[in-house]
């Protein structure tokens, strides 16, 4: 036999011996600890969720999020949207006429209370934009509110302040402690 063939056979035999030796070790597989407290884990975890809501066969709303977890066994059950939440409202011609977005959201199931955090931005049906870092929506009282700084952008002015209250459609709203100049149209 030639030297090249002998080297190939030796290398092949060495590989077989090493693989056999590795496969015969009695190493135990890693054990996973049992879940000790089910209340701290989500009962449902989903990613890349998009849903549409229709009324009388007409698409009215679209909601989407990159991550949704439901903590149904917690002492105070809640839904968590750690990657944010985005909501769009459609007119009859399917153009978007109102939006809402935040970097984080949590919904307390029993209280019917939403908590939105991080670059919260809403645009109502009149085109008025609301921007804050924390906003709450109490479904049971049809009320939206915040105790943080808020910026309200209207077509003719920008109003800022601390504290905010509104109905759930954001059509009737008020800033509790306005800041800066406020211009009033005398008409």
N, C-alpha and C. Protein backbone atom coordinates (compact mmCIF):
# COMPACT_ATOMS: atom_id res chain seq x y z
N UNK A 1 0.84 -1.17 0.00
CA UNK A 1 0.00 0.00 0.00
C UNK A 1 0.88 1.23 0.00
N UNK A 2 0.32 2.27 -0.61
CA UNK A 2 1.10 3.50 -0.67
C UNK A 2 0.97 4.25 0.65
N UNK A 3 1.87 5.20 0.87
CA UNK A 3 1.91 5.99 2.11
C UNK A 3 0.67 6.86 2.27
N UNK A 4 0.14 7.39 1.15
CA UNK A 4 -1.04 8.24 1.23
C UNK A 4 -2.27 7.46 1.69
N UNK A 5 -2.42 6.28 1.17
CA UNK A 5 -3.58 5.45 1.54
C UNK A 5 -3.45 5.05 3.01
N UNK A 6 -2.23 4.71 3.43
CA UNK A 6 -2.00 4.31 4.82
C UNK A 6 -2.31 5.46 5.79
N UNK A 7 -1.93 6.69 5.42
CA UNK A 7 -2.22 7.86 6.26
C UNK A 7 -3.74 8.09 6.36
N UNK A 8 -4.45 7.92 5.25
CA UNK A 8 -5.90 8.10 5.27
C UNK A 8 -6.57 7.04 6.15
N UNK A 9 -6.13 5.78 6.05
CA UNK A 9 -6.69 4.71 6.88
C UNK A 9 -6.40 4.97 8.37
N UNK A 10 -5.20 5.44 8.68
CA UNK A 10 -4.83 5.72 10.07
C UNK A 10 -5.69 6.85 10.62
N UNK A 11 -5.89 7.91 9.82
CA UNK A 11 -6.71 9.04 10.25
C UNK A 11 -8.15 8.60 10.45
N UNK A 12 -8.69 7.80 9.54
CA UNK A 12 -10.07 7.32 9.64
C UNK A 12 -10.24 6.46 10.89
N UNK A 13 -9.26 5.56 11.18
CA UNK A 13 -9.31 4.71 12.35
C UNK A 13 -9.26 5.54 13.63
N UNK A 14 -8.44 6.57 13.65
CA UNK A 14 -8.33 7.45 14.81
C UNK A 14 -9.65 8.19 15.07
N UNK A 15 -10.30 8.67 14.02
CA UNK A 15 -11.59 9.36 14.15
C UNK A 15 -12.63 8.41 14.72
N UNK A 16 -12.69 7.17 14.23
CA UNK A 16 -13.66 6.18 14.72
C UNK A 16 -13.43 5.89 16.20
N UNK A 17 -12.17 5.72 16.61
CA UNK A 17 -11.85 5.43 18.02
C UNK A 17 -12.26 6.61 18.91
N UNK A 18 -11.97 7.85 18.49
CA UNK A 18 -12.33 9.03 19.29
C UNK A 18 -13.84 9.14 19.40
N UNK A 19 -14.58 8.99 18.31
CA UNK A 19 -16.03 9.06 18.35
C UNK A 19 -16.62 7.97 19.23
N UNK A 20 -16.07 6.78 19.18
CA UNK A 20 -16.55 5.68 20.01
C UNK A 20 -16.31 5.98 21.49
N UNK A 21 -15.15 6.51 21.80
CA UNK A 21 -14.81 6.83 23.19
C UNK A 21 -15.73 7.94 23.73
N UNK A 22 -15.99 8.95 22.91
CA UNK A 22 -16.85 10.04 23.35
C UNK A 22 -18.28 9.56 23.55
N UNK A 23 -18.76 8.68 22.69
CA UNK A 23 -20.14 8.23 22.78
C UNK A 23 -20.35 7.26 23.94
N UNK A 24 -19.31 6.69 24.49
CA UNK A 24 -19.44 5.72 25.57
C UNK A 24 -19.32 6.35 26.95
N UNK A 25 -19.13 7.62 27.06
CA UNK A 25 -19.03 8.24 28.39
C UNK A 25 -20.39 8.18 29.07
N UNK A 26 -20.40 8.14 30.38
CA UNK A 26 -21.64 8.01 31.15
C UNK A 26 -22.02 9.36 31.77
N UNK A 27 -21.94 10.41 31.00
CA UNK A 27 -22.30 11.73 31.49
C UNK A 27 -23.82 11.83 31.57
N UNK A 28 -24.32 12.30 32.71
CA UNK A 28 -25.75 12.46 32.91
C UNK A 28 -26.24 13.71 32.16
N UNK A 29 -27.44 13.64 31.58
CA UNK A 29 -27.98 14.85 30.94
C UNK A 29 -28.33 15.89 32.01
N UNK A 30 -28.30 17.16 31.61
CA UNK A 30 -28.66 18.24 32.54
C UNK A 30 -30.11 18.06 32.97
N UNK A 31 -30.34 18.26 34.25
CA UNK A 31 -31.69 18.15 34.77
C UNK A 31 -32.28 19.56 34.89
N UNK A 32 -33.54 19.66 34.55
CA UNK A 32 -34.25 20.92 34.63
C UNK A 32 -35.03 20.92 35.94
N UNK A 33 -34.89 22.01 36.68
CA UNK A 33 -35.60 22.09 37.94
C UNK A 33 -37.11 22.22 37.70
N UNK A 34 -37.85 21.65 38.59
CA UNK A 34 -39.31 21.73 38.50
C UNK A 34 -39.76 23.16 38.77
N UNK A 35 -40.88 23.51 38.19
CA UNK A 35 -41.45 24.83 38.43
C UNK A 35 -41.93 24.87 39.87
N UNK A 36 -41.40 25.83 40.63
CA UNK A 36 -41.76 25.91 42.05
C UNK A 36 -42.94 26.83 42.29
N UNK A 37 -43.03 27.91 41.51
CA UNK A 37 -44.11 28.87 41.73
C UNK A 37 -44.74 29.22 40.40
N UNK A 38 -45.83 28.54 40.06
CA UNK A 38 -46.52 28.74 38.78
C UNK A 38 -47.05 30.16 38.63
N UNK A 39 -47.25 30.87 39.76
CA UNK A 39 -47.78 32.23 39.73
C UNK A 39 -46.84 33.22 39.06
N UNK A 40 -45.57 32.89 38.97
CA UNK A 40 -44.59 33.80 38.38
C UNK A 40 -44.36 33.54 36.90
N UNK A 41 -45.00 32.53 36.35
CA UNK A 41 -44.81 32.18 34.93
C UNK A 41 -46.08 32.46 34.15
N UNK A 42 -45.94 32.88 32.89
CA UNK A 42 -47.15 33.11 32.09
C UNK A 42 -47.83 31.80 31.72
N UNK A 43 -49.16 31.83 31.71
CA UNK A 43 -49.93 30.68 31.24
C UNK A 43 -49.96 30.62 29.72
N UNK A 44 -49.76 31.78 29.10
CA UNK A 44 -49.73 31.89 27.65
C UNK A 44 -48.66 32.90 27.27
N UNK A 45 -47.85 32.56 26.30
CA UNK A 45 -46.84 33.48 25.79
C UNK A 45 -46.86 33.39 24.27
N UNK A 46 -47.09 34.53 23.63
CA UNK A 46 -47.19 34.56 22.17
C UNK A 46 -46.33 35.68 21.61
N UNK A 47 -45.89 35.51 20.37
CA UNK A 47 -45.10 36.53 19.71
C UNK A 47 -45.73 36.88 18.36
N UNK A 48 -45.45 38.10 17.92
CA UNK A 48 -45.90 38.60 16.62
C UNK A 48 -47.41 38.42 16.43
N UNK A 49 -48.19 39.05 17.30
CA UNK A 49 -49.64 38.94 17.27
C UNK A 49 -50.25 40.13 16.53
N UNK A 50 -51.14 39.87 15.62
CA UNK A 50 -51.93 40.90 14.97
C UNK A 50 -53.37 40.42 14.96
N UNK A 51 -54.28 41.28 15.37
CA UNK A 51 -55.69 40.93 15.35
C UNK A 51 -56.50 42.11 14.83
N UNK A 52 -57.58 41.81 14.17
CA UNK A 52 -58.50 42.85 13.71
C UNK A 52 -59.85 42.63 14.36
N UNK A 53 -60.55 43.73 14.61
CA UNK A 53 -61.87 43.68 15.22
C UNK A 53 -62.83 44.34 14.24
N UNK A 54 -63.92 43.64 13.97
CA UNK A 54 -64.89 44.20 13.02
C UNK A 54 -66.23 44.40 13.71
N UNK A 55 -67.01 45.28 13.11
CA UNK A 55 -68.35 45.56 13.59
C UNK A 55 -69.27 45.55 12.38
N UNK A 56 -70.25 44.68 12.40
CA UNK A 56 -71.19 44.53 11.27
C UNK A 56 -70.47 44.26 9.96
N UNK A 57 -69.41 43.46 10.02
CA UNK A 57 -68.67 43.07 8.82
C UNK A 57 -67.67 44.11 8.32
N UNK A 58 -67.52 45.21 9.03
CA UNK A 58 -66.58 46.26 8.63
C UNK A 58 -65.41 46.27 9.61
N UNK A 59 -64.20 46.19 9.09
CA UNK A 59 -63.02 46.24 9.95
C UNK A 59 -62.92 47.61 10.60
N UNK A 60 -62.88 47.61 11.94
CA UNK A 60 -62.85 48.87 12.69
C UNK A 60 -61.51 49.11 13.38
N UNK A 61 -60.86 48.04 13.86
CA UNK A 61 -59.63 48.19 14.65
C UNK A 61 -58.61 47.14 14.27
N UNK A 62 -57.34 47.50 14.42
CA UNK A 62 -56.24 46.54 14.29
C UNK A 62 -55.33 46.75 15.49
N UNK A 63 -54.97 45.66 16.14
CA UNK A 63 -54.08 45.70 17.29
C UNK A 63 -52.93 44.75 17.00
N UNK A 64 -51.70 45.21 17.28
CA UNK A 64 -50.58 44.29 17.13
C UNK A 64 -49.50 44.54 18.17
N UNK A 65 -48.77 43.46 18.45
CA UNK A 65 -47.69 43.48 19.43
C UNK A 65 -46.68 42.41 19.06
N UNK A 66 -45.45 42.61 19.49
CA UNK A 66 -44.40 41.61 19.23
C UNK A 66 -44.36 40.54 20.32
N UNK A 67 -44.91 40.84 21.51
CA UNK A 67 -44.90 39.85 22.59
C UNK A 67 -46.08 40.08 23.53
N UNK A 68 -46.80 39.01 23.82
CA UNK A 68 -47.97 39.06 24.70
C UNK A 68 -47.90 37.87 25.65
N UNK A 69 -47.93 38.17 26.95
CA UNK A 69 -47.91 37.11 27.95
C UNK A 69 -49.09 37.30 28.90
N UNK A 70 -49.73 36.19 29.27
CA UNK A 70 -50.86 36.23 30.19
C UNK A 70 -50.47 35.51 31.47
N UNK A 71 -50.48 36.25 32.57
CA UNK A 71 -50.17 35.71 33.89
C UNK A 71 -51.50 35.46 34.60
N UNK A 72 -52.13 34.34 34.27
CA UNK A 72 -53.47 34.03 34.75
C UNK A 72 -53.51 33.46 36.16
N UNK A 73 -52.39 33.01 36.70
CA UNK A 73 -52.36 32.43 38.04
C UNK A 73 -51.75 33.37 39.08
N UNK A 74 -51.45 34.58 38.67
CA UNK A 74 -50.93 35.58 39.59
C UNK A 74 -52.03 35.97 40.58
N UNK A 75 -51.64 36.50 41.75
CA UNK A 75 -52.64 36.94 42.73
C UNK A 75 -53.57 37.99 42.12
N UNK A 76 -53.02 38.86 41.27
CA UNK A 76 -53.80 39.85 40.54
C UNK A 76 -53.52 39.60 39.05
N UNK A 77 -54.30 38.72 38.39
CA UNK A 77 -54.01 38.32 37.00
C UNK A 77 -53.85 39.52 36.06
N UNK A 78 -52.90 39.39 35.14
CA UNK A 78 -52.64 40.48 34.20
C UNK A 78 -52.10 39.95 32.89
N UNK A 79 -52.21 40.81 31.87
CA UNK A 79 -51.59 40.57 30.57
C UNK A 79 -50.42 41.53 30.48
N UNK A 80 -49.33 41.10 29.86
CA UNK A 80 -48.16 41.97 29.73
C UNK A 80 -47.68 41.99 28.29
N UNK A 81 -47.39 43.20 27.82
CA UNK A 81 -46.91 43.43 26.46
C UNK A 81 -45.54 44.10 26.59
N UNK A 82 -44.49 43.31 26.79
CA UNK A 82 -43.16 43.86 27.08
C UNK A 82 -42.51 44.51 25.86
N UNK A 83 -42.98 44.20 24.69
CA UNK A 83 -42.42 44.79 23.46
C UNK A 83 -43.32 45.89 22.91
N UNK A 84 -44.30 46.32 23.70
CA UNK A 84 -45.16 47.41 23.28
C UNK A 84 -46.47 46.93 22.69
N UNK A 85 -47.32 47.92 22.42
CA UNK A 85 -48.65 47.65 21.89
C UNK A 85 -49.00 48.76 20.92
N UNK A 86 -49.62 48.40 19.80
CA UNK A 86 -50.01 49.38 18.80
C UNK A 86 -51.47 49.12 18.41
N UNK A 87 -52.23 50.20 18.31
CA UNK A 87 -53.66 50.12 18.04
C UNK A 87 -54.00 51.12 16.94
N UNK A 88 -54.82 50.71 15.99
CA UNK A 88 -55.27 51.60 14.92
C UNK A 88 -56.79 51.50 14.80
N UNK A 89 -57.43 52.63 14.57
CA UNK A 89 -58.88 52.68 14.33
C UNK A 89 -59.10 53.07 12.87
N UNK A 90 -60.02 52.37 12.21
CA UNK A 90 -60.26 52.60 10.79
C UNK A 90 -61.57 53.32 10.54
N UNK A 91 -61.56 54.20 9.56
CA UNK A 91 -62.79 54.81 9.05
C UNK A 91 -63.46 53.78 8.14
N UNK A 92 -64.65 54.08 7.66
CA UNK A 92 -65.36 53.13 6.79
C UNK A 92 -64.62 52.85 5.50
N UNK A 93 -63.81 53.81 5.00
CA UNK A 93 -63.04 53.57 3.77
C UNK A 93 -61.70 52.88 4.06
N UNK A 94 -61.51 52.41 5.31
CA UNK A 94 -60.33 51.70 5.80
C UNK A 94 -59.09 52.58 5.95
N UNK A 95 -59.26 53.89 5.89
CA UNK A 95 -58.14 54.77 6.22
C UNK A 95 -58.03 54.83 7.75
N UNK A 96 -56.81 54.98 8.25
CA UNK A 96 -56.59 55.04 9.70
C UNK A 96 -56.97 56.44 10.18
N UNK A 97 -57.89 56.50 11.16
CA UNK A 97 -58.30 57.82 11.64
C UNK A 97 -57.97 58.07 13.11
N UNK A 98 -57.40 57.08 13.80
CA UNK A 98 -56.93 57.27 15.17
C UNK A 98 -55.90 56.18 15.47
N UNK A 99 -54.88 56.52 16.27
CA UNK A 99 -53.85 55.53 16.61
C UNK A 99 -53.47 55.65 18.08
N UNK A 100 -52.88 54.58 18.56
CA UNK A 100 -52.35 54.57 19.93
C UNK A 100 -51.16 53.63 19.94
N UNK A 101 -50.06 54.04 20.60
CA UNK A 101 -48.88 53.19 20.69
C UNK A 101 -48.14 53.45 21.99
N UNK A 102 -47.47 52.41 22.50
CA UNK A 102 -46.62 52.54 23.68
C UNK A 102 -45.53 51.47 23.61
N UNK A 103 -44.43 51.70 24.33
CA UNK A 103 -43.33 50.73 24.35
C UNK A 103 -43.60 49.55 25.27
N UNK A 104 -44.53 49.72 26.19
CA UNK A 104 -44.85 48.68 27.18
C UNK A 104 -46.32 48.85 27.57
N UNK A 105 -46.99 47.74 27.85
CA UNK A 105 -48.37 47.82 28.33
C UNK A 105 -48.64 46.65 29.27
N UNK A 106 -49.53 46.91 30.21
CA UNK A 106 -49.99 45.86 31.13
C UNK A 106 -51.48 46.07 31.35
N UNK A 107 -52.23 44.97 31.31
CA UNK A 107 -53.67 45.02 31.54
C UNK A 107 -54.00 44.17 32.75
N UNK A 108 -54.58 44.80 33.79
CA UNK A 108 -55.00 44.10 34.99
C UNK A 108 -56.43 43.61 34.77
N UNK A 109 -56.55 42.32 34.66
CA UNK A 109 -57.81 41.68 34.26
C UNK A 109 -58.97 41.98 35.20
N UNK A 110 -58.79 41.79 36.49
CA UNK A 110 -59.89 42.00 37.45
C UNK A 110 -60.26 43.46 37.60
N UNK A 111 -59.28 44.34 37.58
CA UNK A 111 -59.52 45.78 37.75
C UNK A 111 -60.00 46.45 36.47
N UNK A 112 -59.79 45.77 35.33
CA UNK A 112 -60.08 46.35 34.01
C UNK A 112 -59.31 47.66 33.82
N UNK A 113 -58.03 47.60 34.16
CA UNK A 113 -57.16 48.78 34.12
C UNK A 113 -55.96 48.52 33.22
N UNK A 114 -55.74 49.43 32.27
CA UNK A 114 -54.57 49.39 31.39
C UNK A 114 -53.51 50.35 31.92
N UNK A 115 -52.25 49.95 31.83
CA UNK A 115 -51.12 50.80 32.18
C UNK A 115 -50.19 50.81 30.96
N UNK A 116 -49.92 51.99 30.43
CA UNK A 116 -49.05 52.14 29.26
C UNK A 116 -47.82 52.94 29.68
N UNK A 117 -46.64 52.48 29.23
CA UNK A 117 -45.39 53.16 29.61
C UNK A 117 -44.48 53.28 28.39
N UNK A 118 -43.65 54.31 28.42
CA UNK A 118 -42.61 54.46 27.42
C UNK A 118 -43.11 54.99 26.09
N UNK A 119 -42.87 56.25 25.84
CA UNK A 119 -43.25 56.89 24.58
C UNK A 119 -44.70 56.60 24.20
N UNK A 120 -45.60 56.87 25.13
CA UNK A 120 -47.02 56.69 24.88
C UNK A 120 -47.48 57.81 23.96
N UNK A 121 -48.15 57.43 22.89
CA UNK A 121 -48.58 58.41 21.89
C UNK A 121 -49.96 58.01 21.36
N UNK A 122 -50.89 58.97 21.41
CA UNK A 122 -52.24 58.72 20.92
C UNK A 122 -52.66 59.87 20.02
N UNK A 123 -53.36 59.54 18.95
CA UNK A 123 -53.94 60.55 18.07
C UNK A 123 -55.43 60.25 17.98
N UNK A 124 -56.26 61.22 18.41
CA UNK A 124 -57.70 60.99 18.44
C UNK A 124 -58.34 61.28 17.07
N UNK A 125 -59.66 61.17 17.00
CA UNK A 125 -60.39 61.34 15.74
C UNK A 125 -60.27 62.76 15.18
N UNK A 126 -60.03 63.75 16.04
CA UNK A 126 -59.87 65.13 15.58
C UNK A 126 -58.43 65.44 15.15
N UNK A 127 -57.52 64.47 15.27
CA UNK A 127 -56.13 64.66 14.89
C UNK A 127 -55.26 65.27 15.99
N UNK A 128 -55.79 65.38 17.20
CA UNK A 128 -55.02 65.90 18.33
C UNK A 128 -54.11 64.78 18.84
N UNK A 129 -52.82 65.13 19.03
CA UNK A 129 -51.84 64.13 19.47
C UNK A 129 -51.50 64.34 20.94
N UNK A 130 -51.49 63.24 21.69
CA UNK A 130 -51.17 63.23 23.12
C UNK A 130 -49.90 62.41 23.31
N UNK A 131 -48.90 62.98 24.01
CA UNK A 131 -47.64 62.27 24.24
C UNK A 131 -47.25 62.37 25.71
N UNK A 132 -46.93 61.23 26.30
CA UNK A 132 -46.50 61.17 27.70
C UNK A 132 -45.68 59.91 27.90
N UNK A 133 -45.14 59.73 29.11
CA UNK A 133 -44.37 58.52 29.41
C UNK A 133 -45.20 57.46 30.13
N UNK A 134 -46.27 57.87 30.81
CA UNK A 134 -47.14 56.92 31.51
C UNK A 134 -48.59 57.37 31.34
N UNK A 135 -49.45 56.42 30.99
CA UNK A 135 -50.87 56.72 30.81
C UNK A 135 -51.67 55.52 31.30
N UNK A 136 -52.80 55.79 31.93
CA UNK A 136 -53.68 54.74 32.43
C UNK A 136 -55.05 54.86 31.76
N UNK A 137 -55.68 53.71 31.53
CA UNK A 137 -57.03 53.68 31.01
C UNK A 137 -57.85 52.77 31.92
N UNK A 138 -58.78 53.36 32.65
CA UNK A 138 -59.66 52.63 33.53
C UNK A 138 -60.94 52.33 32.75
N UNK A 139 -61.06 51.10 32.26
CA UNK A 139 -62.22 50.72 31.44
C UNK A 139 -63.52 50.80 32.23
N UNK A 140 -63.48 50.47 33.52
CA UNK A 140 -64.70 50.45 34.32
C UNK A 140 -65.28 51.86 34.51
N UNK A 141 -64.43 52.89 34.42
CA UNK A 141 -64.90 54.28 34.57
C UNK A 141 -64.85 55.05 33.24
N UNK A 142 -64.51 54.38 32.15
CA UNK A 142 -64.38 55.03 30.83
C UNK A 142 -63.49 56.27 30.93
N UNK A 143 -62.36 56.13 31.61
CA UNK A 143 -61.49 57.27 31.92
C UNK A 143 -60.04 56.97 31.58
N UNK A 144 -59.37 57.96 30.98
CA UNK A 144 -57.93 57.90 30.70
C UNK A 144 -57.28 59.00 31.53
N UNK A 145 -56.13 58.70 32.14
CA UNK A 145 -55.50 59.69 33.00
C UNK A 145 -54.00 59.44 33.15
N UNK A 146 -53.29 60.47 33.64
CA UNK A 146 -51.87 60.39 33.93
C UNK A 146 -51.53 61.45 34.96
N UNK A 147 -50.52 61.20 35.76
CA UNK A 147 -50.04 62.21 36.70
C UNK A 147 -48.66 62.72 36.28
N UNK A 148 -48.24 62.39 35.08
CA UNK A 148 -46.93 62.77 34.55
C UNK A 148 -47.05 63.91 33.54
N UNK A 149 -45.89 64.36 33.08
CA UNK A 149 -45.82 65.40 32.05
C UNK A 149 -46.53 64.92 30.79
N UNK A 150 -47.28 65.80 30.16
CA UNK A 150 -47.98 65.47 28.92
C UNK A 150 -47.84 66.62 27.94
N UNK A 151 -47.79 66.27 26.68
CA UNK A 151 -47.71 67.25 25.59
C UNK A 151 -48.89 66.96 24.66
N UNK A 152 -49.69 68.00 24.44
CA UNK A 152 -50.85 67.87 23.56
C UNK A 152 -50.63 68.77 22.36
N UNK A 153 -50.60 68.19 21.18
CA UNK A 153 -50.36 68.93 19.94
C UNK A 153 -51.66 69.03 19.16
N UNK A 154 -52.10 70.27 19.00
CA UNK A 154 -53.30 70.57 18.22
C UNK A 154 -52.86 71.24 16.92
N UNK A 155 -53.74 71.38 15.95
CA UNK A 155 -53.33 72.00 14.68
C UNK A 155 -52.78 73.42 14.84
N UNK A 156 -53.24 74.15 15.83
CA UNK A 156 -52.80 75.54 15.98
C UNK A 156 -51.93 75.81 17.18
N UNK A 157 -51.72 74.82 18.06
CA UNK A 157 -50.92 75.06 19.26
C UNK A 157 -50.45 73.77 19.91
N UNK A 158 -49.45 73.93 20.78
CA UNK A 158 -48.95 72.83 21.60
C UNK A 158 -49.16 73.24 23.06
N UNK A 159 -49.78 72.36 23.83
CA UNK A 159 -50.03 72.61 25.24
C UNK A 159 -49.29 71.54 26.04
N UNK A 160 -48.59 71.96 27.10
CA UNK A 160 -47.89 71.01 27.96
C UNK A 160 -48.34 71.20 29.40
N UNK A 161 -48.12 70.19 30.21
CA UNK A 161 -48.46 70.29 31.61
C UNK A 161 -48.21 68.98 32.33
N UNK A 162 -48.59 68.97 33.59
CA UNK A 162 -48.44 67.77 34.42
C UNK A 162 -49.83 67.36 34.88
N UNK A 163 -50.16 66.09 34.66
CA UNK A 163 -51.48 65.58 35.01
C UNK A 163 -52.45 65.74 33.85
N UNK A 164 -53.29 64.73 33.67
CA UNK A 164 -54.16 64.70 32.50
C UNK A 164 -55.36 63.82 32.80
N UNK A 165 -56.53 64.22 32.31
CA UNK A 165 -57.75 63.42 32.39
C UNK A 165 -58.50 63.52 31.07
N UNK A 166 -59.14 62.42 30.70
CA UNK A 166 -59.92 62.41 29.46
C UNK A 166 -60.94 61.29 29.49
N UNK A 167 -61.95 61.40 28.60
CA UNK A 167 -62.85 60.28 28.40
C UNK A 167 -62.10 59.26 27.54
N UNK A 168 -62.63 58.06 27.39
CA UNK A 168 -61.87 57.02 26.71
C UNK A 168 -61.71 57.24 25.20
N UNK A 169 -62.45 58.15 24.61
CA UNK A 169 -62.26 58.45 23.20
C UNK A 169 -61.26 59.60 22.99
N UNK A 170 -60.79 60.19 24.08
CA UNK A 170 -59.89 61.34 24.07
C UNK A 170 -60.50 62.55 23.36
N UNK A 171 -61.83 62.61 23.34
CA UNK A 171 -62.47 63.77 22.72
C UNK A 171 -62.70 64.88 23.74
N UNK A 172 -62.93 64.54 24.99
CA UNK A 172 -63.08 65.52 26.07
C UNK A 172 -61.91 65.30 27.02
N UNK A 173 -61.03 66.30 27.10
CA UNK A 173 -59.82 66.15 27.90
C UNK A 173 -59.44 67.46 28.58
N UNK A 174 -58.58 67.34 29.60
CA UNK A 174 -58.05 68.53 30.25
C UNK A 174 -56.70 68.20 30.88
N UNK A 175 -55.83 69.21 30.88
CA UNK A 175 -54.54 69.12 31.56
C UNK A 175 -54.73 69.71 32.95
N UNK A 176 -54.33 68.98 33.97
CA UNK A 176 -54.58 69.40 35.34
C UNK A 176 -53.71 70.59 35.77
N UNK A 177 -52.45 70.59 35.40
CA UNK A 177 -51.52 71.67 35.75
C UNK A 177 -50.80 72.14 34.49
N UNK A 178 -51.44 73.01 33.68
CA UNK A 178 -50.82 73.48 32.43
C UNK A 178 -49.53 74.25 32.71
N UNK A 179 -48.60 74.18 31.74
CA UNK A 179 -47.33 74.90 31.85
C UNK A 179 -47.09 75.65 30.56
N UNK A 180 -46.38 76.77 30.66
CA UNK A 180 -46.03 77.54 29.47
C UNK A 180 -47.18 78.36 28.97
N UNK A 181 -46.92 79.15 27.91
CA UNK A 181 -47.97 80.02 27.38
C UNK A 181 -49.07 79.23 26.70
N UNK A 182 -50.30 79.70 26.88
CA UNK A 182 -51.46 79.10 26.22
C UNK A 182 -52.15 80.22 25.45
N UNK A 183 -52.29 80.04 24.16
CA UNK A 183 -52.90 81.05 23.31
C UNK A 183 -54.37 80.72 23.10
N UNK A 184 -55.20 81.72 23.28
CA UNK A 184 -56.64 81.53 23.15
C UNK A 184 -57.14 82.30 21.94
N UNK A 185 -57.91 81.64 21.11
CA UNK A 185 -58.51 82.29 19.96
C UNK A 185 -59.73 83.08 20.45
N UNK A 186 -59.74 84.38 20.22
CA UNK A 186 -60.80 85.25 20.73
C UNK A 186 -62.13 85.08 20.00
N UNK A 187 -62.15 84.37 18.92
CA UNK A 187 -63.38 84.17 18.16
C UNK A 187 -64.23 83.26 18.94
